[in-house]
Protein backbone atom coordinates (compact mmCIF):
# COMPACT_ATOMS: atom_id res chain seq x y z
CA UNK A 1 16.03 -6.01 25.45
CA UNK A 2 15.12 -8.92 22.55
CA UNK A 3 12.38 -9.91 24.63
CA UNK A 4 10.11 -6.62 23.74
CA UNK A 5 11.57 -6.28 20.49
CA UNK A 6 10.15 -9.88 19.64
CA UNK A 7 7.01 -8.82 21.10
CA UNK A 8 6.57 -5.72 19.01
CA UNK A 9 7.61 -7.60 16.19
CA UNK A 10 4.67 -9.99 16.60
CA UNK A 11 2.43 -7.74 17.40
CA UNK A 12 -0.90 -7.26 15.93
CA UNK A 13 -2.09 -3.89 17.93
CA UNK A 14 -0.79 -0.85 15.66
CA UNK A 15 -2.00 -3.07 12.52
CA UNK A 16 -5.34 -4.03 13.73
CA UNK A 17 -6.02 -0.28 15.24
CA UNK A 18 -5.36 0.92 11.37
CA UNK A 19 -7.64 -1.74 9.84
CA UNK A 20 -10.37 -0.69 12.15
CA UNK A 21 -9.88 2.94 11.63
CA UNK A 22 -10.03 2.96 7.57
CA UNK A 23 -12.90 0.70 8.08
CA UNK A 24 -14.77 3.53 10.03
CA UNK A 25 -14.76 5.36 6.69
CA UNK A 26 -15.03 9.23 6.44
CA UNK A 27 -13.10 10.63 9.56
CA UNK A 28 -13.61 14.66 8.77
CA UNK A 29 -12.83 16.60 11.05
CA UNK A 30 -16.31 17.30 13.32
CA UNK A 31 -17.60 14.31 11.67
CA UNK A 32 -19.24 11.10 13.95
CA UNK A 33 -16.69 8.69 12.04
CA UNK A 34 -13.81 11.52 13.25
CA UNK A 35 -15.42 10.89 16.94
CA UNK A 36 -15.72 6.97 16.31
CA UNK A 37 -11.65 6.76 15.26
CA UNK A 38 -11.09 9.08 18.59
CA UNK A 39 -13.04 7.04 20.64
CA UNK A 40 -11.25 3.98 18.92
CA UNK A 41 -8.30 5.16 19.80
CA UNK A 42 -9.03 6.18 23.56
CA UNK A 43 -10.12 2.54 23.94
CA UNK A 44 -7.07 0.93 22.15
CA UNK A 45 -4.54 3.13 24.28
CA UNK A 46 -6.70 1.50 27.19
CA UNK A 47 -6.08 -1.68 26.33
CA UNK A 48 -2.39 -1.22 25.63
CA UNK A 49 -2.34 -0.45 29.36
CA UNK A 50 -1.87 3.52 29.42
CA UNK A 51 -3.73 5.03 32.06
CA UNK A 52 -6.26 8.20 32.02
CA UNK A 53 -7.37 7.23 28.07
CA UNK A 54 -9.62 10.05 27.71
CA UNK A 55 -11.33 12.67 25.09
CA UNK A 56 -11.24 16.05 25.58
CA UNK A 57 -13.81 17.79 23.22
CA UNK A 58 -13.84 21.28 21.28
CA UNK A 59 -15.80 23.29 18.97
CA UNK A 60 -15.18 24.08 15.36
CA UNK A 61 -16.30 25.17 12.79
CA UNK A 62 -17.58 21.85 10.46
CA UNK A 63 -17.86 21.47 6.84
CA UNK A 64 -19.21 18.69 4.43
CA UNK A 65 -19.50 18.41 1.46
CA UNK A 66 -21.93 18.00 -1.16
CA UNK A 67 -21.65 18.41 -5.45
CA UNK A 68 -19.21 20.16 -6.86
CA UNK A 69 -18.77 20.64 -11.03
CA UNK A 70 -16.63 22.03 -13.48
CA UNK A 71 -18.47 23.09 -16.40
CA UNK A 72 -16.63 24.68 -19.46
CA UNK A 73 -17.97 24.68 -22.80
CA UNK A 74 -20.61 22.11 -23.12
CA UNK A 75 -18.31 19.54 -21.24
CA UNK A 76 -18.72 18.63 -17.25
CA UNK A 77 -15.17 17.82 -15.65
CA UNK A 78 -14.71 15.85 -12.99
CA UNK A 79 -13.62 17.92 -9.70
CA UNK A 80 -13.63 17.57 -5.51
CA UNK A 81 -14.52 20.80 -2.97
CA UNK A 82 -11.63 21.35 -1.22
CA UNK A 83 -12.27 22.07 2.54
CA UNK A 84 -13.23 25.39 3.92
CA UNK A 85 -14.49 26.57 0.17
CA UNK A 86 -17.51 28.28 0.80
CA UNK A 87 -20.89 27.24 -0.76
CA UNK A 88 -20.52 29.48 -4.05
CA UNK A 89 -21.30 29.38 -7.87
CA UNK A 90 -18.89 31.78 -9.94
CA UNK A 91 -18.70 31.94 -13.89
CA UNK A 92 -15.79 33.86 -14.93
CA UNK A 93 -12.90 33.17 -17.52
CA UNK A 94 -9.58 30.70 -16.40
CA UNK A 95 -6.32 31.27 -16.27
CA UNK A 96 -3.77 28.54 -15.96
CA UNK A 97 -0.97 30.11 -13.89
CA UNK A 98 1.28 27.13 -14.17
CA UNK A 99 2.94 26.29 -10.91
CA UNK A 100 1.32 29.55 -9.34
CA UNK A 101 4.66 31.26 -7.81
CA UNK A 102 4.39 34.70 -6.24
CA UNK A 103 5.96 36.05 -8.97
CA UNK A 104 3.58 34.88 -11.72
CA UNK A 105 0.14 36.32 -9.41
CA UNK A 106 2.48 39.43 -9.41
CA UNK A 107 2.95 39.25 -13.22
CA UNK A 108 -0.21 38.09 -14.28
CA UNK A 109 -3.77 40.02 -13.79
CA UNK A 110 -5.80 37.52 -12.07
CA UNK A 111 -8.59 39.79 -10.86
CA UNK A 112 -12.29 38.65 -11.45
CA UNK A 113 -10.65 35.22 -12.85
CA UNK A 114 -11.18 31.80 -12.17
CA UNK A 115 -7.17 30.79 -11.43
CA UNK A 116 -5.93 27.44 -12.17
CA UNK A 117 -2.57 26.62 -10.46
CA UNK A 118 -0.31 23.14 -10.34
CA UNK A 119 0.45 21.33 -6.83
CA UNK A 120 3.85 21.37 -6.97
CA UNK A 121 6.67 23.76 -7.20
CA UNK A 122 9.31 23.79 -10.62
CA UNK A 123 12.87 21.91 -9.26
CA UNK A 124 14.72 25.30 -9.36
CA UNK A 125 12.78 27.27 -7.07
CA UNK A 126 13.65 27.48 -3.49
CA UNK A 127 11.07 26.02 -1.59
CA UNK A 128 8.09 24.70 -1.29
CA UNK A 129 4.72 26.48 -1.52
CA UNK A 130 1.40 25.15 0.53
CA UNK A 131 -1.65 24.98 -1.34
CA UNK A 132 -3.00 27.32 1.76
CA UNK A 133 -0.22 29.95 0.35
CA UNK A 134 -1.35 29.41 -3.23
CA UNK A 135 -5.17 30.26 -2.29
CA UNK A 136 -4.06 33.23 -0.35
CA UNK A 137 -2.72 34.86 -3.07
CA UNK A 138 -5.32 34.04 -5.66
CA UNK A 139 -7.87 35.47 -3.34
CA UNK A 140 -5.09 38.74 -2.24
CA UNK A 141 -4.89 39.45 -6.05
CA UNK A 142 -8.75 39.28 -6.87
CA UNK A 143 -9.16 36.07 -8.03
CA UNK A 144 -13.10 34.57 -7.65
CA UNK A 145 -12.51 31.07 -8.17
CA UNK A 146 -9.61 28.71 -7.57
CA UNK A 147 -8.81 25.11 -9.18
CA UNK A 148 -5.42 23.05 -7.22
CA UNK A 149 -4.55 20.61 -10.12
CA UNK A 150 -2.32 17.78 -8.98
CA UNK A 151 0.80 17.32 -10.64
CA UNK A 152 0.89 13.62 -9.99
CA UNK A 153 -0.63 11.73 -13.06
CA UNK A 154 -3.32 8.99 -12.62
CA UNK A 155 -6.54 10.56 -12.70
CA UNK A 156 -6.58 11.60 -8.83
CA UNK A 157 -8.08 14.89 -7.95
CA UNK A 158 -6.67 16.48 -4.82
CA UNK A 159 -7.96 17.65 -1.70
CA UNK A 160 -6.73 19.34 1.15
CA UNK A 161 -8.26 22.40 3.10
CA UNK A 162 -8.03 26.05 2.14
CA UNK A 163 -8.65 29.35 4.26
CA UNK A 164 -8.14 33.21 4.75
CA UNK A 165 -6.17 34.69 7.16
CA UNK A 166 -8.09 33.57 11.15
CA UNK A 167 -11.59 33.09 9.01
CA UNK A 168 -13.11 29.11 8.81
CA UNK A 169 -14.23 29.29 5.27
CA UNK A 170 -12.18 30.76 2.83
CA UNK A 171 -13.86 33.60 0.71
CA UNK A 172 -13.89 32.21 -3.01
CA UNK A 173 -14.80 28.76 -4.31
CA UNK A 174 -12.06 26.33 -4.49
CA UNK A 175 -11.83 22.80 -5.98
CA UNK A 176 -9.27 20.19 -6.35
CA UNK A 177 -8.83 18.40 -10.10
CA UNK A 178 -6.45 15.76 -11.48
CA UNK A 179 -3.70 16.54 -13.75
CA UNK A 180 -5.26 15.19 -16.61
CA UNK A 181 -8.40 17.26 -16.28
CA UNK A 182 -6.34 20.12 -15.31
CA UNK A 183 -4.13 19.42 -18.18
CA UNK A 184 -7.29 19.18 -20.39
CA UNK A 185 -8.95 22.43 -19.18
CA UNK A 186 -5.70 24.28 -19.48
CA UNK A 187 -5.67 23.11 -23.58
CA UNK A 188 -8.70 23.86 -24.43
CA UNK A 189 -10.14 26.58 -21.99
CA UNK A 190 -7.61 28.75 -21.03
CA UNK A 191 -8.80 32.29 -21.15
CA UNK A 192 -12.35 31.40 -21.69
CA UNK A 193 -15.04 31.54 -19.41
CA UNK A 194 -15.98 28.34 -16.76
CA UNK A 195 -18.31 27.55 -13.97
CA UNK A 196 -17.08 26.18 -10.81
CA UNK A 197 -20.07 25.54 -8.54
CA UNK A 198 -19.08 24.30 -4.98
CA UNK A 199 -22.04 22.60 -2.91
CA UNK A 200 -21.35 22.48 1.03
CA UNK A 201 -22.66 22.76 4.03
CA UNK A 202 -20.92 24.81 7.06
CA UNK A 203 -22.31 24.31 10.26
CA UNK A 204 -21.19 24.19 14.43
CA UNK A 205 -19.32 20.70 15.16
CA UNK A 206 -17.24 19.26 17.76
CA UNK A 207 -13.91 17.39 17.52
CA UNK A 208 -11.59 16.33 20.23
CA UNK A 209 -8.10 15.31 21.18
CA UNK A 210 -7.50 12.09 22.96
CA UNK A 211 -5.01 11.79 25.78
CA UNK A 212 -3.18 8.87 27.77
CA UNK A 213 -0.40 8.42 29.85
CA UNK A 214 2.60 6.15 30.89
CA UNK A 215 5.55 6.39 33.14
CA UNK A 216 5.90 8.41 36.21
CA UNK A 217 3.89 11.00 37.35
CA UNK A 218 6.07 13.73 36.99
CA UNK A 219 4.93 17.26 35.79
CA UNK A 220 7.38 16.96 32.91
CA UNK A 221 6.65 14.89 30.02
CA UNK A 222 7.12 13.87 26.68
CA UNK A 223 4.82 13.75 24.23
CA UNK A 224 3.90 11.27 21.45
CA UNK A 225 1.13 12.33 18.57
CA UNK A 226 -0.72 11.79 15.36
CA UNK A 227 -3.91 13.15 14.00
CA UNK A 228 -6.63 10.86 13.97
CA UNK A 229 -8.73 12.70 11.55
CA UNK A 230 -8.46 12.03 7.79
CA UNK A 231 -9.88 13.51 4.45
CA UNK A 232 -13.47 12.38 3.88
CA UNK A 233 -13.18 11.10 0.14
CA UNK A 234 -10.35 8.51 1.05
CA UNK A 235 -9.71 5.80 4.16
CA UNK A 236 -6.53 8.08 5.11
CA UNK A 237 -4.36 5.08 5.85
CA UNK A 238 -1.24 6.64 4.79
CA UNK A 239 -2.59 10.25 6.55
CA UNK A 240 -2.85 9.75 9.08
CA UNK A 241 -4.23 6.13 9.84
CA UNK A 242 -0.53 4.77 10.16
CA UNK A 243 0.34 7.25 12.78
CA UNK A 244 -2.32 7.03 15.47
CA UNK A 245 -1.23 2.88 14.98
CA UNK A 246 2.07 3.83 15.26
CA UNK A 247 1.36 5.51 19.02
CA UNK A 248 -0.84 2.73 19.81
CA UNK A 249 1.78 0.28 19.31
CA UNK A 250 4.67 2.16 20.92
CA UNK A 251 2.09 2.60 23.89
CA UNK A 252 1.85 -1.39 23.40
CA UNK A 253 5.29 -1.58 23.46
CA UNK A 254 6.11 0.86 26.43
CA UNK A 255 3.66 -0.25 28.71
CA UNK A 256 5.76 -3.49 28.93
CA UNK A 257 8.59 -1.18 29.35
CA UNK A 258 7.41 1.08 31.74
CA UNK A 259 9.65 0.90 34.82
CA UNK A 260 12.11 1.99 32.64
CA UNK A 261 10.71 5.28 32.02
CA UNK A 262 11.63 7.75 34.26
CA UNK A 263 9.53 11.02 32.85
CA UNK A 264 5.85 10.99 32.05
CA UNK A 265 4.70 9.90 28.26
CA UNK A 266 1.60 11.34 27.48
CA UNK A 267 0.09 10.41 23.86
CA UNK A 268 -2.18 12.68 22.19
CA UNK A 269 -4.38 11.53 18.75
CA UNK A 270 -5.24 15.21 17.59
CA UNK A 271 -8.41 16.10 15.94
CA UNK A 272 -8.94 18.43 13.74
CA UNK A 273 -5.74 18.55 11.67
CA UNK A 274 -6.26 19.05 8.19
CA UNK A 275 -8.11 22.13 8.86
CA UNK A 276 -5.57 24.03 10.47
CA UNK A 277 -3.90 22.18 12.95
CA UNK A 278 -6.66 23.06 15.42
CA UNK A 279 -6.73 20.60 18.07
CA UNK A 280 -3.01 20.60 19.10
CA UNK A 281 -3.51 24.24 18.40
CA UNK A 282 -5.66 23.65 21.06
CA UNK A 283 -3.40 21.63 23.48
CA UNK A 284 -0.43 23.96 22.78
CA UNK A 285 -2.22 27.11 23.86
CA UNK A 286 -3.57 25.80 27.28
CA UNK A 287 -0.28 23.95 28.09
CA UNK A 288 2.50 24.51 30.32
CA UNK A 289 5.46 24.66 27.43
CA UNK A 290 8.20 24.27 30.03
CA UNK A 291 6.91 20.74 31.12
CA UNK A 292 7.03 19.25 27.57
CA UNK A 293 10.24 18.10 27.11
CA UNK A 294 10.02 16.84 23.58
CA UNK A 295 7.33 16.04 20.84
CA UNK A 296 7.69 13.11 18.85
CA UNK A 297 4.93 13.44 16.13
CA UNK A 298 3.75 10.91 13.46
CA UNK A 299 2.38 12.04 10.33
CA UNK A 300 3.58 10.12 7.08
CA UNK A 301 5.31 7.07 8.65
CA UNK A 302 5.32 3.58 7.27
CA UNK A 303 4.66 4.80 4.01
CA UNK A 304 8.08 3.30 3.23
CA UNK A 305 10.89 1.40 4.95
CA UNK A 306 13.15 4.22 6.30
CA UNK A 307 12.13 6.60 9.14
CA UNK A 308 12.74 9.99 8.55
CA UNK A 309 12.86 12.55 11.53
CA UNK A 310 12.92 15.95 10.82
CA UNK A 311 14.14 17.82 14.10
CA UNK A 312 13.84 21.51 13.28
CA UNK A 313 17.47 22.64 14.73
CA UNK A 314 17.49 20.70 18.31
CA UNK A 315 20.43 18.91 18.06
CA UNK A 316 19.52 16.45 20.88
CA UNK A 317 16.71 15.25 18.85
CA UNK A 318 19.06 14.58 15.75
CA UNK A 319 21.86 12.91 17.89
CA UNK A 320 19.00 10.55 19.90
CA UNK A 321 17.84 9.47 16.59
CA UNK A 322 21.22 8.74 15.16
CA UNK A 323 22.49 6.74 18.75
CA UNK A 324 18.66 4.90 18.23
CA UNK A 325 20.18 3.71 14.53
CA UNK A 326 23.85 3.10 15.61
CA UNK A 327 22.39 0.92 18.38
CA UNK A 328 20.30 -1.11 16.05
CA UNK A 329 22.34 -1.03 12.85
CA UNK A 330 19.02 -0.13 11.15
CA UNK A 331 18.89 3.25 9.14
CA UNK A 332 17.41 6.64 10.44
CA UNK A 333 17.20 9.95 8.77
CA UNK A 334 17.38 13.10 9.96
CA UNK A 335 16.81 16.61 8.50
CA UNK A 336 17.65 19.37 10.85
CA UNK A 337 15.71 21.97 8.91
CA UNK A 338 12.56 23.28 9.73
CA UNK A 339 9.45 21.21 8.64
CA UNK A 340 6.15 23.61 9.45
CA UNK A 341 3.28 21.67 8.35
CA UNK A 342 1.84 18.61 11.14
CA UNK A 343 0.95 19.09 14.02
CA UNK A 344 4.25 19.79 15.95
CA UNK A 345 4.30 22.99 14.79
CA UNK A 346 1.79 23.96 17.40
CA UNK A 347 4.22 23.22 19.72
CA UNK A 348 7.63 24.10 17.79
CA UNK A 349 6.89 27.92 16.94
CA UNK A 350 6.76 28.13 20.60
CA UNK A 351 10.15 26.87 21.19
CA UNK A 352 9.24 23.40 22.23
CA UNK A 353 11.64 20.74 21.41
CA UNK A 354 9.37 18.47 18.34
CA UNK A 355 9.93 16.62 15.66
CA UNK A 356 7.99 15.28 12.74
CA UNK A 357 8.13 11.80 11.92
CA UNK A 358 7.71 10.11 8.32
CA UNK A 359 9.24 7.93 5.69
CA UNK A 360 12.24 8.88 3.10
CA UNK A 361 10.26 8.54 0.26
CA UNK A 362 11.75 5.99 -2.66
CA UNK A 363 8.26 7.69 -4.84
CA UNK A 364 6.70 4.30 -3.61
CA UNK A 365 3.72 7.19 -2.35
CA UNK A 366 2.87 8.58 -5.84
CA UNK A 367 1.16 11.20 -4.06
CA UNK A 368 -1.24 9.36 -3.29
CA UNK A 369 -1.96 11.18 0.31
CA UNK A 370 -5.09 13.77 -0.28
CA UNK A 371 -6.57 11.39 -2.91
CA UNK A 372 -9.07 8.86 -3.28
CA UNK A 373 -5.87 6.52 -3.47
CA UNK A 374 -4.80 6.90 0.30
CA UNK A 375 -5.95 2.67 0.95
CA UNK A 376 -4.17 0.58 3.37
CA UNK A 377 -3.31 -1.76 0.63
CA UNK A 378 -0.29 0.42 0.00
CA UNK A 379 1.26 -0.07 3.52
CA UNK A 380 2.80 -2.94 5.04
CA UNK A 381 2.83 -4.58 8.94
CA UNK A 382 6.36 -4.96 8.82
CA UNK A 383 7.30 -1.69 8.06
CA UNK A 384 4.78 -0.74 11.11
CA UNK A 385 6.73 -3.09 13.48
CA UNK A 386 10.06 -2.09 12.68
CA UNK A 387 9.58 1.65 12.78
CA UNK A 388 7.77 0.92 15.85
CA UNK A 389 11.09 -1.14 17.58
CA UNK A 390 13.03 1.86 16.71
CA UNK A 391 10.62 5.25 17.57
CA UNK A 392 9.27 3.09 21.24
CA UNK A 393 13.60 3.15 21.83
CA UNK A 394 13.75 6.65 20.84
CA UNK A 395 10.73 8.00 22.96
CA UNK A 396 12.49 5.68 26.10
CA UNK A 397 15.41 7.47 25.29
CA UNK A 398 13.82 11.14 25.56
CA UNK A 399 12.15 10.32 28.62
CA UNK A 400 15.20 9.09 30.93
CA UNK A 401 16.29 11.91 33.09
CA UNK A 402 19.60 11.90 32.14
CA UNK A 403 18.82 13.43 28.39
CA UNK A 404 17.37 16.89 27.70
CA UNK A 405 16.95 18.55 25.00
CA UNK A 406 17.81 22.45 24.76
CA UNK A 407 14.90 24.80 23.97
CA UNK A 408 15.29 27.33 21.65
CA UNK A 409 14.02 30.48 21.76
CA UNK A 410 11.32 31.88 19.41
CA UNK A 411 13.43 34.47 17.47
CA UNK A 412 15.82 31.59 16.69
CA UNK A 413 12.86 29.43 14.83
CA UNK A 414 11.43 32.73 13.41
CA UNK A 415 15.17 33.42 11.78
CA UNK A 416 15.63 29.93 10.98
CA UNK A 417 12.06 30.36 8.53
CA UNK A 418 13.74 33.56 7.15
CA UNK A 419 17.21 31.88 6.20
CA UNK A 420 15.41 28.56 4.55
CA UNK A 421 13.04 30.56 2.69
CA UNK A 422 9.98 30.12 4.87
CA UNK A 423 8.87 32.78 6.38
CA UNK A 424 6.94 34.90 3.38
CA UNK A 425 4.78 31.39 3.33
CA UNK A 426 4.48 30.99 7.37
CA UNK A 427 3.45 34.45 7.83
CA UNK A 428 -0.04 34.23 4.97
CA UNK A 429 -1.20 31.14 6.14
CA UNK A 430 -0.75 32.34 9.78
CA UNK A 431 1.76 29.88 11.10
CA UNK A 432 4.40 32.58 11.89
CA UNK A 433 5.88 32.08 15.71
CA UNK A 434 4.27 34.16 18.56
CA UNK A 435 5.70 37.07 19.67
CA UNK A 436 4.79 36.21 23.11
CA UNK A 437 2.95 33.63 25.01
C-alpha cells in the first residue's frame, strides 16, 4: 500500500494538468478554450493509462459577453453581465431588496423595476437560495432588470448563470456587482432611475464531455467526475480546474492499481456545467442508470485541507468515507443531506448513488469562486496530493464487488428535498426529480 501512496504524494500529474487548464484562460461553455481544456484532459487521462479516452460533443446555446454598464445619476458603476443574460438595455427605478428572500418579493412591488439582491441569505433563514431562484422571483414579479450583489467584501463582482424555466437565455438583463458597488447603489440610488445595459452575443455552440476508463470491462461502473468548463472572467482554478486535476490524479494512481479494480471505473469531465449542468444532464439522460454503481463528483476540492463529502442520504457512501478516514487516520467530513448544485445531481435526482466531493471551508476561500480572484496561487500541490490519496482509496473501495450502495427511490429524494427546505428552489430552477425515466 505504501508504494502507491508515495507515488501519489510525489506525483505532478494533477498539478501539471491544473496549470495547463488555468493557462488556457477562458474556458466558458461552448468556447474554443473549453474545447482545448477538454482535449487537454482527454490527453492527460490517456497519458495516465486510462483507455478509450475520447470526446463526445453536443450542441448548446453559446453566450459570449460584451460590455456591460450600470449608469446611475452622472456616474457609471462597475459590473459584469451574468451568463445567459439577454443582450438588452433597460431604464427603471432601482429597488434594493436586500437578501431577496421569497417573502421580500411577495411584500414589495417590483414590477417594472430593476431589483438588486445580495448573494447570501441571513443566518436565521432555513435554507440557501440560489442565484437562479432569486432571478426567477424577479422575473415572476415583473422586474425588468436584475442586479446580483456579492456579499463578500473585496471589490469582486460575481458571475454565475441565470435563465428562465427551460429557456437557455433569461428574459431580463442581469449583472453582478461587488459588495462595495452594491452598497453605493443602495445608499445613493434606491428608488431612483438607473440604466442597466448588457451586450452579449447569443449563438449556436458546441460543448463536449471527456470520457476514459480503467479496470475490467464490466457493464457496471463507478463514475469519477468533474466539470471542465469555467466562467470566462477568471482562471477557474478552484471552480473547477482543481476538480478536473483531481480526476487525472486519481486515474494516474488507479492505473498502477488496475488489477485491484473489480468494477469498471469511468472518468468523465463534463462540459457546460456552469450554464445548467448540460453535460451531465446529457450523459444521465442517455445512460443505463442501473449500471452506475456510484458517482464521485469533485467540484470544490483542494480549496481547503480537509475533504467534505455530501452523500445525499446514501448510507454506504458515508460508511466508505468514514472507513477510509479511519484506515488512513486522516479526517474526511461527511454530510448526509442533499446538495443539488453540481453535476452529481443529474444522477442523484434519479436515485442513482452519488456524492459531491468538496473541501470543508474554514473561511480561506473568502468567496473567490465565480470572481476574478479564482486563481491558482490560492491552491497548494500538497492538498491536491493528500486528497487524491484518500479519494483514490475511496473510489477503489467503491469498485469492489463486495461493496454495494443501495439506490434510493425518486420519491425518497423528493421527500428529502421537502424536509430539508429545498423543494421550492428545486421546482423553480427545474431541478426537481423526474417522475419517470
